[in-house]
């Protein structure tokens, strides 16, 4: 699903694009649907971190937000 979009988007369009992006698990561009995105670590807080993302096809940029929701593969260490 590729789109040609230039400029600023209204809030309703942004909501729709974000919903589709999350539905696709963030594997394609939020704006054009292209599959050439690059991301880099941006920031962290107590329970979330963000990554700057750029689409190499349309030049759009945004931040992905990852929220801590679980802990797995837990191994208990030795007592001190």
C-alpha atoms as a PDB file:
ATOM      1  CA  UNK A   1       0.000   0.000   0.000  1.00  0.00           C
ATOM      2  CA  UNK A   2       2.187   2.857  -1.237  1.00  0.00           C
ATOM      3  CA  UNK A   3       0.974   6.457  -1.090  1.00  0.00           C
ATOM      4  CA  UNK A   4       2.337   9.733  -2.384  1.00  0.00           C
ATOM      5  CA  UNK A   5       1.974  12.269   0.409  1.00  0.00           C
ATOM      6  CA  UNK A   6       3.772  15.577   0.716  1.00  0.00           C
ATOM      7  CA  UNK A   7       3.561  18.211   3.445  1.00  0.00           C
ATOM      8  CA  UNK A   8       1.546  18.279   6.637  1.00  0.00           C
ATOM      9  CA  UNK A   9      -1.199  15.809   7.535  1.00  0.00           C
ATOM     10  CA  UNK A  10      -4.303  16.563   9.582  1.00  0.00           C
ATOM     11  CA  UNK A  11      -4.875  14.800  12.916  1.00  0.00           C
ATOM     12  CA  UNK A  12      -7.458  12.358  11.531  1.00  0.00           C
ATOM     13  CA  UNK A  13      -5.099  11.240   8.761  1.00  0.00           C
ATOM     14  CA  UNK A  14      -2.253  10.851  11.254  1.00  0.00           C
ATOM     15  CA  UNK A  15      -4.458   8.706  13.526  1.00  0.00           C
ATOM     16  CA  UNK A  16      -5.376   6.470  10.589  1.00  0.00           C
ATOM     17  CA  UNK A  17      -1.760   6.116   9.446  1.00  0.00           C
ATOM     18  CA  UNK A  18      -0.581   5.317  13.002  1.00  0.00           C
ATOM     19  CA  UNK A  19      -3.306   2.690  13.398  1.00  0.00           C
ATOM     20  CA  UNK A  20      -2.227   0.994  10.149  1.00  0.00           C
ATOM     21  CA  UNK A  21       1.457   1.265  11.128  1.00  0.00           C
ATOM     22  CA  UNK A  22       0.843  -0.456  14.470  1.00  0.00           C
ATOM     23  CA  UNK A  23      -1.319  -3.088  12.784  1.00  0.00           C
ATOM     24  CA  UNK A  24       1.663  -3.871  10.473  1.00  0.00           C
ATOM     25  CA  UNK A  25       3.931  -4.065  13.575  1.00  0.00           C
ATOM     26  CA  UNK A  26       6.018  -1.127  12.331  1.00  0.00           C
ATOM     27  CA  UNK A  27       7.709  -3.047   9.524  1.00  0.00           C
ATOM     28  CA  UNK A  28       6.877  -0.516   6.781  1.00  0.00           C
ATOM     29  CA  UNK A  29       6.991   3.247   6.517  1.00  0.00           C
ATOM     30  CA  UNK A  30       4.334   5.028   8.557  1.00  0.00           C
ATOM     31  CA  UNK A  31       3.632   7.397   5.648  1.00  0.00           C
ATOM     32  CA  UNK A  32       4.304   5.757   2.269  1.00  0.00           C
ATOM     33  CA  UNK A  33       4.247   2.066   3.217  1.00  0.00           C
ATOM     34  CA  UNK A  34       7.750   1.539   1.814  1.00  0.00           C
ATOM     35  CA  UNK A  35      10.001  -1.144   3.267  1.00  0.00           C
ATOM     36  CA  UNK A  36      13.283   0.808   3.435  1.00  0.00           C
ATOM     37  CA  UNK A  37      13.370   2.340   6.898  1.00  0.00           C
ATOM     38  CA  UNK A  38      16.341   2.924   9.163  1.00  0.00           C
ATOM     39  CA  UNK A  39      16.160   3.508  12.888  1.00  0.00           C
ATOM     40  CA  UNK A  40      18.518   4.581  15.627  1.00  0.00           C
ATOM     41  CA  UNK A  41      18.246   4.648  19.406  1.00  0.00           C
ATOM     42  CA  UNK A  42      17.047   8.025  20.646  1.00  0.00           C
ATOM     43  CA  UNK A  43      16.070   8.093  24.325  1.00  0.00           C
ATOM     44  CA  UNK A  44      15.003   6.034  27.305  1.00  0.00           C
ATOM     45  CA  UNK A  45      12.952   6.565  30.440  1.00  0.00           C
ATOM     46  CA  UNK A  46      11.958   4.245  33.278  1.00  0.00           C
ATOM     47  CA  UNK A  47       9.480   2.142  31.301  1.00  0.00           C
ATOM     48  CA  UNK A  48       9.866   3.122  27.654  1.00  0.00           C
ATOM     49  CA  UNK A  49      12.412   3.953  24.989  1.00  0.00           C
ATOM     50  CA  UNK A  50      12.180   5.735  21.659  1.00  0.00           C
ATOM     51  CA  UNK A  51      13.896   5.179  18.322  1.00  0.00           C
ATOM     52  CA  UNK A  52      14.220   7.774  15.571  1.00  0.00           C
ATOM     53  CA  UNK A  53      13.017   6.293  12.278  1.00  0.00           C
ATOM     54  CA  UNK A  54      13.509   7.569   8.738  1.00  0.00           C
ATOM     55  CA  UNK A  55      12.072   6.217   5.496  1.00  0.00           C
ATOM     56  CA  UNK A  56      14.730   6.036   2.791  1.00  0.00           C
ATOM     57  CA  UNK A  57      12.025   6.033   0.119  1.00  0.00           C
ATOM     58  CA  UNK A  58       9.951   9.136   0.989  1.00  0.00           C
ATOM     59  CA  UNK A  59      12.172  10.905   3.561  1.00  0.00           C
ATOM     60  CA  UNK A  60       9.506  10.931   6.305  1.00  0.00           C
ATOM     61  CA  UNK A  61      10.678  10.762   9.920  1.00  0.00           C
ATOM     62  CA  UNK A  62       9.014   9.795  13.220  1.00  0.00           C
ATOM     63  CA  UNK A  63       9.785   8.149  16.554  1.00  0.00           C
ATOM     64  CA  UNK A  64       8.828   4.596  17.478  1.00  0.00           C
ATOM     65  CA  UNK A  65       7.956   4.202  21.171  1.00  0.00           C
ATOM     66  CA  UNK A  66       8.610   0.887  22.927  1.00  0.00           C
ATOM     67  CA  UNK A  67       6.975   0.309  26.315  1.00  0.00           C
ATOM     68  CA  UNK A  68       8.165  -2.248  28.855  1.00  0.00           C
ATOM     69  CA  UNK A  69       5.374  -4.758  29.317  1.00  0.00           C
ATOM     70  CA  UNK A  70       7.001  -8.005  30.396  1.00  0.00           C
ATOM     71  CA  UNK A  71      10.167  -9.722  31.644  1.00  0.00           C
ATOM     72  CA  UNK A  72      11.218 -13.160  30.328  1.00  0.00           C
ATOM     73  CA  UNK A  73      13.977 -15.748  30.738  1.00  0.00           C
ATOM     74  CA  UNK A  74      14.608 -14.814  34.348  1.00  0.00           C
ATOM     75  CA  UNK A  75      17.570 -16.421  36.104  1.00  0.00           C
ATOM     76  CA  UNK A  76      18.143 -15.890  39.809  1.00  0.00           C
ATOM     77  CA  UNK A  77      21.750 -15.117  40.706  1.00  0.00           C
ATOM     78  CA  UNK A  78      23.720 -16.243  43.731  1.00  0.00           C
ATOM     79  CA  UNK A  79      23.160 -14.592  47.112  1.00  0.00           C
ATOM     80  CA  UNK A  80      25.956 -12.277  48.185  1.00  0.00           C
END
